[in-house]
Amino acid sequence: MIRRIAGFKWLIILAVSFGIFANLILPDAENHINRLSGKEVGVLDLKSGLHPGEVYQTVAQYTPQAIHYYRIIELTADVVYPIIYTLLWAVGLFLIFEGGGVKPPFGKVYLLPFATMLFDYIENIFIVVILSLYPNEYGFLAYACSAFTLLKWVSLLATSLLLLYGLVMLLWKRVAGKPEG
């Protein structure tokens, strides 16, 4: 599938879509959650390494309206956004390593963003369950949620480092005119 959409047209479409979500839709949703809560609370998706107590301290600061709205965002916008960023990073990695002729550190590096998407979806499921069951608190849910948040960010960091490595090697290959390897 990535091979079929791996072109600059799709890269631009995905980059614009990513920009709209990352800079408009999701920040607006977080701001609305904060407004509904009457203070700046933030969202669990952006807080990695939280102890279960901190997860529930955050949730306790949400009003019922904020919890309801947050669940809606998790089940709508935060279902679409991972698809967009996964395809964007996968196409970028594919174009650099397959299309650009840069030797990847391991085979099919462009599949790594799909791990990030999987971790993000699992995290979202835990967030929705935690929000839905609140005020009941279950430590194992908070631990699992925090673990998948951390895995999401670690895999995103790995993807970012692969993109940076690939771009540097591609630039080196083009500017220096030397074969890579």
N, C-alpha and C. Protein backbone atom coordinates (compact mmCIF):
# COMPACT_ATOMS: atom_id res chain seq x y z
N MET A 1 0.81 -1.19 0.00
CA MET A 1 0.00 0.00 0.00
C MET A 1 0.86 1.26 0.00
N ILE A 2 1.90 1.29 0.82
CA ILE A 2 2.77 2.47 0.89
C ILE A 2 3.41 2.73 -0.46
N ARG A 3 3.81 1.68 -1.12
CA ARG A 3 4.43 1.82 -2.44
C ARG A 3 3.48 2.54 -3.41
N ARG A 4 2.18 2.28 -3.31
CA ARG A 4 1.21 2.90 -4.22
C ARG A 4 1.01 4.39 -3.96
N ILE A 5 1.10 4.80 -2.71
CA ILE A 5 0.86 6.22 -2.41
C ILE A 5 2.16 6.99 -2.17
N ALA A 6 3.29 6.31 -2.27
CA ALA A 6 4.57 6.96 -1.98
C ALA A 6 5.01 7.86 -3.13
N GLY A 7 4.46 9.05 -3.13
CA GLY A 7 4.84 10.06 -4.11
C GLY A 7 4.73 11.42 -3.46
N PHE A 8 5.25 12.42 -4.14
CA PHE A 8 5.26 13.76 -3.56
C PHE A 8 3.86 14.35 -3.45
N LYS A 9 2.95 13.96 -4.34
CA LYS A 9 1.56 14.44 -4.25
C LYS A 9 0.96 14.02 -2.92
N TRP A 10 1.07 12.73 -2.60
CA TRP A 10 0.53 12.23 -1.34
C TRP A 10 1.29 12.78 -0.15
N LEU A 11 2.60 12.96 -0.30
CA LEU A 11 3.39 13.53 0.79
C LEU A 11 2.87 14.93 1.14
N ILE A 12 2.57 15.74 0.13
CA ILE A 12 2.04 17.09 0.35
C ILE A 12 0.65 17.02 0.99
N ILE A 13 -0.23 16.18 0.44
CA ILE A 13 -1.59 16.05 0.99
C ILE A 13 -1.53 15.63 2.46
N LEU A 14 -0.69 14.64 2.76
CA LEU A 14 -0.57 14.16 4.13
C LEU A 14 0.06 15.21 5.04
N ALA A 15 1.06 15.93 4.54
CA ALA A 15 1.71 16.97 5.34
C ALA A 15 0.74 18.10 5.67
N VAL A 16 -0.06 18.51 4.70
CA VAL A 16 -1.06 19.56 4.95
C VAL A 16 -2.10 19.06 5.96
N SER A 17 -2.57 17.83 5.78
CA SER A 17 -3.54 17.25 6.72
C SER A 17 -2.96 17.15 8.12
N PHE A 18 -1.71 16.72 8.20
CA PHE A 18 -1.01 16.64 9.48
C PHE A 18 -0.95 18.02 10.13
N GLY A 19 -0.57 19.02 9.35
CA GLY A 19 -0.48 20.38 9.88
C GLY A 19 -1.81 20.88 10.41
N ILE A 20 -2.88 20.59 9.70
CA ILE A 20 -4.22 21.01 10.14
C ILE A 20 -4.58 20.35 11.47
N PHE A 21 -4.33 19.05 11.58
CA PHE A 21 -4.64 18.35 12.83
C PHE A 21 -3.74 18.81 13.97
N ALA A 22 -2.42 18.86 13.71
CA ALA A 22 -1.46 19.16 14.77
C ALA A 22 -1.51 20.61 15.24
N ASN A 23 -1.89 21.52 14.34
CA ASN A 23 -1.85 22.94 14.69
C ASN A 23 -3.21 23.59 14.89
N LEU A 24 -4.28 22.94 14.44
CA LEU A 24 -5.61 23.53 14.58
C LEU A 24 -6.58 22.64 15.35
N ILE A 25 -6.87 21.47 14.81
CA ILE A 25 -7.93 20.63 15.36
C ILE A 25 -7.62 20.14 16.78
N LEU A 26 -6.46 19.50 16.96
CA LEU A 26 -6.16 18.92 18.28
C LEU A 26 -5.86 19.98 19.33
N PRO A 27 -5.09 21.05 19.01
CA PRO A 27 -4.92 22.10 20.03
C PRO A 27 -6.25 22.77 20.41
N ASP A 28 -7.13 22.95 19.42
CA ASP A 28 -8.44 23.53 19.73
C ASP A 28 -9.24 22.59 20.65
N ALA A 29 -9.16 21.30 20.40
CA ALA A 29 -9.85 20.33 21.25
C ALA A 29 -9.30 20.37 22.67
N GLU A 30 -7.98 20.41 22.81
CA GLU A 30 -7.38 20.49 24.15
C GLU A 30 -7.79 21.80 24.84
N ASN A 31 -7.77 22.90 24.10
CA ASN A 31 -8.19 24.18 24.69
C ASN A 31 -9.65 24.13 25.13
N HIS A 32 -10.49 23.44 24.36
CA HIS A 32 -11.91 23.33 24.72
C HIS A 32 -12.07 22.48 25.99
N ILE A 33 -11.29 21.42 26.10
CA ILE A 33 -11.31 20.60 27.32
C ILE A 33 -10.90 21.45 28.51
N ASN A 34 -9.86 22.27 28.33
CA ASN A 34 -9.41 23.17 29.41
C ASN A 34 -10.50 24.18 29.77
N ARG A 35 -11.15 24.76 28.74
CA ARG A 35 -12.23 25.73 29.00
C ARG A 35 -13.38 25.06 29.76
N LEU A 36 -13.75 23.86 29.32
CA LEU A 36 -14.84 23.15 30.00
C LEU A 36 -14.47 22.82 31.45
N SER A 37 -13.18 22.60 31.69
CA SER A 37 -12.71 22.26 33.04
C SER A 37 -12.49 23.51 33.89
N GLY A 38 -12.47 24.67 33.26
CA GLY A 38 -12.28 25.91 34.00
C GLY A 38 -10.84 26.19 34.37
N LYS A 39 -9.92 25.40 33.85
CA LYS A 39 -8.48 25.59 34.12
C LYS A 39 -7.68 24.80 33.11
N GLU A 40 -6.39 25.06 33.08
CA GLU A 40 -5.52 24.34 32.15
C GLU A 40 -5.15 22.99 32.76
N VAL A 41 -5.73 21.95 32.19
CA VAL A 41 -5.50 20.59 32.69
C VAL A 41 -4.62 19.82 31.71
N GLY A 42 -4.87 19.99 30.42
CA GLY A 42 -4.16 19.23 29.40
C GLY A 42 -4.84 17.89 29.16
N VAL A 43 -4.27 17.13 28.25
CA VAL A 43 -4.84 15.83 27.90
C VAL A 43 -3.84 14.73 28.20
N LEU A 44 -4.35 13.57 28.53
CA LEU A 44 -3.49 12.43 28.89
C LEU A 44 -2.60 12.00 27.73
N ASP A 45 -3.08 12.15 26.50
CA ASP A 45 -2.33 11.73 25.32
C ASP A 45 -0.94 12.37 25.25
N LEU A 46 -0.82 13.57 25.78
CA LEU A 46 0.43 14.32 25.67
C LEU A 46 1.30 14.23 26.91
N LYS A 47 0.88 13.44 27.89
CA LYS A 47 1.63 13.31 29.14
C LYS A 47 2.18 11.89 29.24
N SER A 48 3.47 11.75 29.05
CA SER A 48 4.05 10.40 29.11
C SER A 48 4.66 10.15 30.49
N GLY A 49 4.69 8.90 30.86
CA GLY A 49 5.33 8.49 32.10
C GLY A 49 4.58 8.88 33.36
N LEU A 50 3.27 9.02 33.26
CA LEU A 50 2.49 9.36 34.44
C LEU A 50 2.29 8.14 35.33
N HIS A 51 2.40 8.36 36.62
CA HIS A 51 2.05 7.34 37.60
C HIS A 51 0.52 7.25 37.62
N PRO A 52 -0.04 6.08 37.91
CA PRO A 52 -1.51 5.95 37.94
C PRO A 52 -2.20 7.03 38.77
N GLY A 53 -1.61 7.39 39.87
CA GLY A 53 -2.20 8.45 40.69
C GLY A 53 -2.28 9.77 39.93
N GLU A 54 -1.25 10.05 39.14
CA GLU A 54 -1.24 11.29 38.34
C GLU A 54 -2.27 11.24 37.22
N VAL A 55 -2.48 10.05 36.66
CA VAL A 55 -3.52 9.90 35.63
C VAL A 55 -4.86 10.29 36.23
N TYR A 56 -5.16 9.73 37.39
CA TYR A 56 -6.46 10.01 38.01
C TYR A 56 -6.54 11.41 38.61
N GLN A 57 -5.40 12.00 39.01
CA GLN A 57 -5.41 13.40 39.44
C GLN A 57 -5.78 14.30 38.27
N THR A 58 -5.27 13.96 37.09
CA THR A 58 -5.61 14.73 35.89
C THR A 58 -7.09 14.59 35.57
N VAL A 59 -7.57 13.35 35.56
CA VAL A 59 -8.98 13.10 35.22
C VAL A 59 -9.90 13.79 36.24
N ALA A 60 -9.49 13.83 37.50
CA ALA A 60 -10.32 14.46 38.54
C ALA A 60 -10.51 15.95 38.30
N GLN A 61 -9.61 16.55 37.53
CA GLN A 61 -9.71 17.99 37.25
C GLN A 61 -10.67 18.29 36.10
N TYR A 62 -11.06 17.26 35.36
CA TYR A 62 -12.02 17.46 34.27
C TYR A 62 -13.44 17.55 34.83
N THR A 63 -14.24 18.42 34.25
CA THR A 63 -15.67 18.44 34.58
C THR A 63 -16.34 17.30 33.81
N PRO A 64 -17.56 16.93 34.18
CA PRO A 64 -18.27 15.91 33.40
C PRO A 64 -18.39 16.29 31.91
N GLN A 65 -18.58 17.57 31.63
CA GLN A 65 -18.68 18.02 30.24
C GLN A 65 -17.34 17.84 29.52
N ALA A 66 -16.25 18.12 30.22
CA ALA A 66 -14.92 17.94 29.63
C ALA A 66 -14.65 16.46 29.35
N ILE A 67 -15.04 15.60 30.28
CA ILE A 67 -14.86 14.15 30.09
C ILE A 67 -15.66 13.69 28.88
N HIS A 68 -16.89 14.13 28.78
CA HIS A 68 -17.73 13.75 27.63
C HIS A 68 -17.09 14.22 26.32
N TYR A 69 -16.66 15.46 26.28
CA TYR A 69 -16.05 16.01 25.06
C TYR A 69 -14.74 15.28 24.74
N TYR A 70 -13.91 15.02 25.75
CA TYR A 70 -12.64 14.33 25.56
C TYR A 70 -12.88 12.94 24.95
N ARG A 71 -13.88 12.23 25.45
CA ARG A 71 -14.20 10.91 24.88
C ARG A 71 -14.58 11.04 23.41
N ILE A 72 -15.36 12.04 23.07
CA ILE A 72 -15.75 12.24 21.67
C ILE A 72 -14.52 12.49 20.81
N ILE A 73 -13.60 13.32 21.27
CA ILE A 73 -12.37 13.60 20.52
C ILE A 73 -11.55 12.33 20.34
N GLU A 74 -11.43 11.54 21.41
CA GLU A 74 -10.66 10.29 21.33
C GLU A 74 -11.26 9.33 20.31
N LEU A 75 -12.57 9.36 20.14
CA LEU A 75 -13.25 8.42 19.25
C LEU A 75 -13.49 8.98 17.85
N THR A 76 -13.07 10.21 17.61
CA THR A 76 -13.25 10.81 16.28
C THR A 76 -11.91 11.33 15.75
N ALA A 77 -11.55 12.53 16.16
CA ALA A 77 -10.33 13.17 15.65
C ALA A 77 -9.09 12.33 15.94
N ASP A 78 -9.04 11.71 17.14
CA ASP A 78 -7.85 10.94 17.48
C ASP A 78 -7.89 9.51 16.93
N VAL A 79 -8.87 9.23 16.10
CA VAL A 79 -8.87 8.01 15.30
C VAL A 79 -8.29 8.34 13.92
N VAL A 80 -8.64 9.52 13.41
CA VAL A 80 -8.18 9.94 12.09
C VAL A 80 -6.72 10.38 12.12
N TYR A 81 -6.34 11.16 13.13
CA TYR A 81 -4.99 11.72 13.20
C TYR A 81 -3.88 10.66 13.12
N PRO A 82 -3.95 9.55 13.86
CA PRO A 82 -2.90 8.54 13.72
C PRO A 82 -2.78 7.97 12.30
N ILE A 83 -3.88 7.87 11.60
CA ILE A 83 -3.81 7.39 10.21
C ILE A 83 -3.01 8.38 9.38
N ILE A 84 -3.28 9.66 9.56
CA ILE A 84 -2.59 10.70 8.80
C ILE A 84 -1.10 10.70 9.11
N TYR A 85 -0.72 10.77 10.41
CA TYR A 85 0.71 10.85 10.70
C TYR A 85 1.43 9.54 10.37
N THR A 86 0.75 8.41 10.49
CA THR A 86 1.38 7.14 10.13
C THR A 86 1.69 7.10 8.64
N LEU A 87 0.72 7.46 7.83
CA LEU A 87 0.96 7.46 6.38
C LEU A 87 1.99 8.50 5.99
N LEU A 88 1.97 9.67 6.64
CA LEU A 88 2.97 10.71 6.34
C LEU A 88 4.37 10.20 6.63
N TRP A 89 4.59 9.67 7.82
CA TRP A 89 5.94 9.19 8.18
C TRP A 89 6.32 7.97 7.34
N ALA A 90 5.38 7.09 7.07
CA ALA A 90 5.68 5.90 6.26
C ALA A 90 6.06 6.30 4.84
N VAL A 91 5.31 7.23 4.25
CA VAL A 91 5.64 7.70 2.89
C VAL A 91 6.99 8.40 2.90
N GLY A 92 7.23 9.24 3.91
CA GLY A 92 8.53 9.92 4.01
C GLY A 92 9.68 8.93 4.10
N LEU A 93 9.54 7.94 4.97
CA LEU A 93 10.60 6.93 5.10
C LEU A 93 10.76 6.13 3.81
N PHE A 94 9.65 5.80 3.18
CA PHE A 94 9.71 5.04 1.93
C PHE A 94 10.45 5.85 0.85
N LEU A 95 10.09 7.12 0.72
CA LEU A 95 10.73 7.95 -0.31
C LEU A 95 12.22 8.12 -0.07
N ILE A 96 12.61 8.24 1.19
CA ILE A 96 14.03 8.41 1.51
C ILE A 96 14.79 7.11 1.30
N PHE A 97 14.30 6.02 1.88
CA PHE A 97 15.07 4.79 1.87
C PHE A 97 14.87 3.95 0.62
N GLU A 98 13.67 3.89 0.12
CA GLU A 98 13.43 3.10 -1.10
C GLU A 98 13.64 3.96 -2.34
N GLY A 99 13.00 5.12 -2.36
CA GLY A 99 13.08 5.99 -3.53
C GLY A 99 14.40 6.72 -3.66
N GLY A 100 14.98 7.09 -2.50
CA GLY A 100 16.23 7.85 -2.52
C GLY A 100 17.47 6.99 -2.57
N GLY A 101 17.28 5.70 -2.45
CA GLY A 101 18.41 4.79 -2.53
C GLY A 101 19.33 4.82 -1.32
N VAL A 102 18.82 5.27 -0.18
CA VAL A 102 19.61 5.27 1.05
C VAL A 102 19.45 3.91 1.70
N LYS A 103 20.59 3.35 2.11
CA LYS A 103 20.55 2.03 2.74
C LYS A 103 19.94 2.16 4.14
N PRO A 104 18.83 1.46 4.39
CA PRO A 104 18.18 1.57 5.71
C PRO A 104 18.94 0.77 6.76
N PRO A 105 18.84 1.18 8.03
CA PRO A 105 19.49 0.43 9.10
C PRO A 105 18.87 -0.95 9.30
N PHE A 106 17.63 -1.12 8.86
CA PHE A 106 16.97 -2.43 8.88
C PHE A 106 15.91 -2.43 7.79
N GLY A 107 15.47 -3.62 7.42
CA GLY A 107 14.52 -3.76 6.31
C GLY A 107 13.16 -3.13 6.60
N LYS A 108 12.57 -2.59 5.57
CA LYS A 108 11.21 -2.02 5.62
C LYS A 108 11.02 -1.05 6.79
N VAL A 109 11.94 -0.09 6.91
CA VAL A 109 11.86 0.90 8.00
C VAL A 109 10.56 1.69 7.95
N TYR A 110 9.97 1.77 6.77
CA TYR A 110 8.75 2.56 6.62
C TYR A 110 7.55 1.93 7.33
N LEU A 111 7.71 0.74 7.90
CA LEU A 111 6.62 0.12 8.66
C LEU A 111 6.62 0.55 10.13
N LEU A 112 7.72 1.14 10.60
CA LEU A 112 7.81 1.54 12.01
C LEU A 112 6.68 2.49 12.45
N PRO A 113 6.27 3.47 11.63
CA PRO A 113 5.17 4.34 12.06
C PRO A 113 3.88 3.59 12.38
N PHE A 114 3.70 2.41 11.81
CA PHE A 114 2.50 1.63 12.11
C PHE A 114 2.51 1.13 13.55
N ALA A 115 3.71 0.92 14.12
CA ALA A 115 3.80 0.57 15.54
C ALA A 115 3.34 1.75 16.39
N THR A 116 3.75 2.95 16.00
CA THR A 116 3.31 4.15 16.73
C THR A 116 1.79 4.26 16.70
N MET A 117 1.21 4.03 15.52
CA MET A 117 -0.25 4.10 15.39
C MET A 117 -0.93 3.06 16.29
N LEU A 118 -0.39 1.85 16.30
CA LEU A 118 -0.96 0.79 17.15
C LEU A 118 -0.92 1.20 18.62
N PHE A 119 0.25 1.69 19.07
CA PHE A 119 0.38 2.11 20.46
C PHE A 119 -0.58 3.27 20.77
N ASP A 120 -0.73 4.19 19.82
CA ASP A 120 -1.63 5.33 20.00
C ASP A 120 -3.08 4.86 20.13
N TYR A 121 -3.49 3.93 19.28
CA TYR A 121 -4.87 3.42 19.37
C TYR A 121 -5.13 2.69 20.68
N ILE A 122 -4.16 1.90 21.12
CA ILE A 122 -4.33 1.19 22.40
C ILE A 122 -4.39 2.20 23.54
N GLU A 123 -3.52 3.20 23.50
CA GLU A 123 -3.57 4.28 24.50
C GLU A 123 -4.95 4.94 24.50
N ASN A 124 -5.48 5.24 23.32
CA ASN A 124 -6.79 5.89 23.21
C ASN A 124 -7.89 5.03 23.82
N ILE A 125 -7.81 3.73 23.59
CA ILE A 125 -8.80 2.82 24.19
C ILE A 125 -8.75 2.91 25.71
N PHE A 126 -7.53 2.88 26.25
CA PHE A 126 -7.41 2.99 27.71
C PHE A 126 -7.92 4.33 28.22
N ILE A 127 -7.64 5.41 27.50
CA ILE A 127 -8.13 6.73 27.92
C ILE A 127 -9.66 6.75 27.94
N VAL A 128 -10.27 6.24 26.89
CA VAL A 128 -11.74 6.22 26.83
C VAL A 128 -12.31 5.37 27.97
N VAL A 129 -11.70 4.24 28.24
CA VAL A 129 -12.18 3.38 29.34
C VAL A 129 -12.02 4.09 30.68
N ILE A 130 -10.85 4.70 30.90
CA ILE A 130 -10.61 5.42 32.16
C ILE A 130 -11.63 6.55 32.34
N LEU A 131 -11.84 7.32 31.27
CA LEU A 131 -12.81 8.42 31.34
C LEU A 131 -14.23 7.91 31.56
N SER A 132 -14.56 6.79 30.93
CA SER A 132 -15.91 6.23 31.04
C SER A 132 -16.20 5.65 32.41
N LEU A 133 -15.19 5.09 33.05
CA LEU A 133 -15.38 4.45 34.36
C LEU A 133 -15.22 5.41 35.53
N TYR A 134 -14.64 6.58 35.26
CA TYR A 134 -14.43 7.54 36.33
C TYR A 134 -15.77 7.95 36.94
N PRO A 135 -15.94 8.01 38.25
CA PRO A 135 -14.94 8.20 39.29
C PRO A 135 -14.31 6.92 39.84
N ASN A 136 -14.71 5.76 39.33
CA ASN A 136 -14.03 4.53 39.74
C ASN A 136 -12.61 4.56 39.19
N GLU A 137 -11.65 4.17 40.02
CA GLU A 137 -10.25 4.20 39.62
C GLU A 137 -9.67 2.79 39.64
N TYR A 138 -9.00 2.45 38.55
CA TYR A 138 -8.37 1.14 38.42
C TYR A 138 -6.91 1.36 38.04
N GLY A 139 -6.05 1.07 39.00
CA GLY A 139 -4.62 1.31 38.80
C GLY A 139 -4.05 0.62 37.58
N PHE A 140 -4.48 -0.61 37.32
CA PHE A 140 -3.93 -1.34 36.18
C PHE A 140 -4.27 -0.65 34.86
N LEU A 141 -5.44 -0.01 34.78
CA LEU A 141 -5.79 0.73 33.55
C LEU A 141 -4.87 1.93 33.37
N ALA A 142 -4.61 2.62 34.47
CA ALA A 142 -3.73 3.79 34.40
C ALA A 142 -2.30 3.38 34.06
N TYR A 143 -1.82 2.28 34.65
CA TYR A 143 -0.48 1.78 34.31
C TYR A 143 -0.40 1.43 32.83
N ALA A 144 -1.39 0.69 32.35
CA ALA A 144 -1.40 0.29 30.94
C ALA A 144 -1.46 1.51 30.03
N CYS A 145 -2.31 2.46 30.38
CA CYS A 145 -2.42 3.68 29.58
C CYS A 145 -1.08 4.40 29.52
N SER A 146 -0.44 4.57 30.67
CA SER A 146 0.86 5.24 30.72
C SER A 146 1.92 4.47 29.93
N ALA A 147 1.88 3.14 30.02
CA ALA A 147 2.85 2.33 29.29
C ALA A 147 2.69 2.52 27.78
N PHE A 148 1.46 2.52 27.30
CA PHE A 148 1.25 2.68 25.86
C PHE A 148 1.51 4.11 25.40
N THR A 149 1.30 5.08 26.28
CA THR A 149 1.67 6.45 25.95
C THR A 149 3.18 6.53 25.77
N LEU A 150 3.92 5.91 26.70
CA LEU A 150 5.38 5.91 26.60
C LEU A 150 5.85 5.18 25.35
N LEU A 151 5.26 4.02 25.06
CA LEU A 151 5.62 3.27 23.85
C LEU A 151 5.34 4.09 22.59
N LYS A 152 4.23 4.81 22.60
CA LYS A 152 3.89 5.67 21.45
C LYS A 152 4.99 6.70 21.24
N TRP A 153 5.40 7.38 22.32
CA TRP A 153 6.41 8.43 22.18
C TRP A 153 7.78 7.87 21.84
N VAL A 154 8.14 6.72 22.38
CA VAL A 154 9.44 6.11 22.05
C VAL A 154 9.47 5.69 20.58
N SER A 155 8.39 5.09 20.10
CA SER A 155 8.37 4.68 18.69
C SER A 155 8.33 5.89 17.77
N LEU A 156 7.69 6.97 18.20
CA LEU A 156 7.69 8.21 17.41
C LEU A 156 9.09 8.81 17.37
N LEU A 157 9.79 8.77 18.50
CA LEU A 157 11.17 9.24 18.54
C LEU A 157 12.05 8.41 17.60
N ALA A 158 11.88 7.10 17.63
CA ALA A 158 12.66 6.23 16.74
C ALA A 158 12.37 6.55 15.28
N THR A 159 11.10 6.79 14.96
CA THR A 159 10.73 7.16 13.59
C THR A 159 11.37 8.48 13.21
N SER A 160 11.33 9.45 14.12
CA SER A 160 11.93 10.77 13.85
C SER A 160 13.43 10.65 13.62
N LEU A 161 14.09 9.83 14.43
CA LEU A 161 15.53 9.64 14.27
C LEU A 161 15.85 8.95 12.94
N LEU A 162 15.01 8.00 12.54
CA LEU A 162 15.19 7.35 11.24
C LEU A 162 15.01 8.34 10.10
N LEU A 163 14.02 9.21 10.21
CA LEU A 163 13.82 10.24 9.19
C LEU A 163 15.02 11.17 9.12
N LEU A 164 15.51 11.60 10.27
CA LEU A 164 16.67 12.48 10.31
C LEU A 164 17.90 11.79 9.72
N TYR A 165 18.14 10.56 10.14
CA TYR A 165 19.27 9.79 9.60
C TYR A 165 19.15 9.66 8.08
N GLY A 166 17.96 9.29 7.61
CA GLY A 166 17.75 9.13 6.18
C GLY A 166 17.96 10.41 5.41
N LEU A 167 17.46 11.53 5.94
CA LEU A 167 17.64 12.82 5.27
C LEU A 167 19.11 13.23 5.22
N VAL A 168 19.82 13.02 6.32
CA VAL A 168 21.26 13.34 6.35
C VAL A 168 22.01 12.48 5.34
N MET A 169 21.72 11.19 5.30
CA MET A 169 22.40 10.30 4.36
C MET A 169 22.03 10.64 2.91
N LEU A 170 20.78 11.00 2.67
CA LEU A 170 20.35 11.40 1.33
C LEU A 170 21.05 12.68 0.91
N LEU A 171 21.13 13.64 1.82
CA LEU A 171 21.83 14.89 1.53
C LEU A 171 23.30 14.62 1.27
N TRP A 172 23.91 13.80 2.09
CA TRP A 172 25.31 13.44 1.92
C TRP A 172 25.53 12.80 0.55
N LYS A 173 24.65 11.90 0.20
CA LYS A 173 24.74 11.19 -1.08
C LYS A 173 24.62 12.17 -2.25
N ARG A 174 23.70 13.11 -2.15
CA ARG A 174 23.46 14.06 -3.25
C ARG A 174 24.53 15.14 -3.32
N VAL A 175 24.91 15.70 -2.18
CA VAL A 175 25.88 16.81 -2.16
C VAL A 175 27.29 16.30 -2.41
N ALA A 176 27.65 15.25 -1.71
CA ALA A 176 29.01 14.73 -1.84
C ALA A 176 29.18 13.92 -3.12
N GLY A 177 28.07 13.47 -3.67
CA GLY A 177 28.14 12.67 -4.89
C GLY A 177 28.79 11.33 -4.68
N LYS A 178 28.83 10.92 -3.44
CA LYS A 178 29.44 9.63 -3.12
C LYS A 178 28.36 8.58 -2.94
N PRO A 179 28.64 7.38 -3.37
CA PRO A 179 27.67 6.31 -3.11
C PRO A 179 27.57 6.06 -1.62
N GLU A 180 26.36 5.84 -1.18
CA GLU A 180 26.11 5.59 0.24
C GLU A 180 26.45 4.14 0.56
N GLY A 181 26.98 3.93 1.74
CA GLY A 181 27.20 2.57 2.16
C GLY A 181 28.50 2.42 2.77
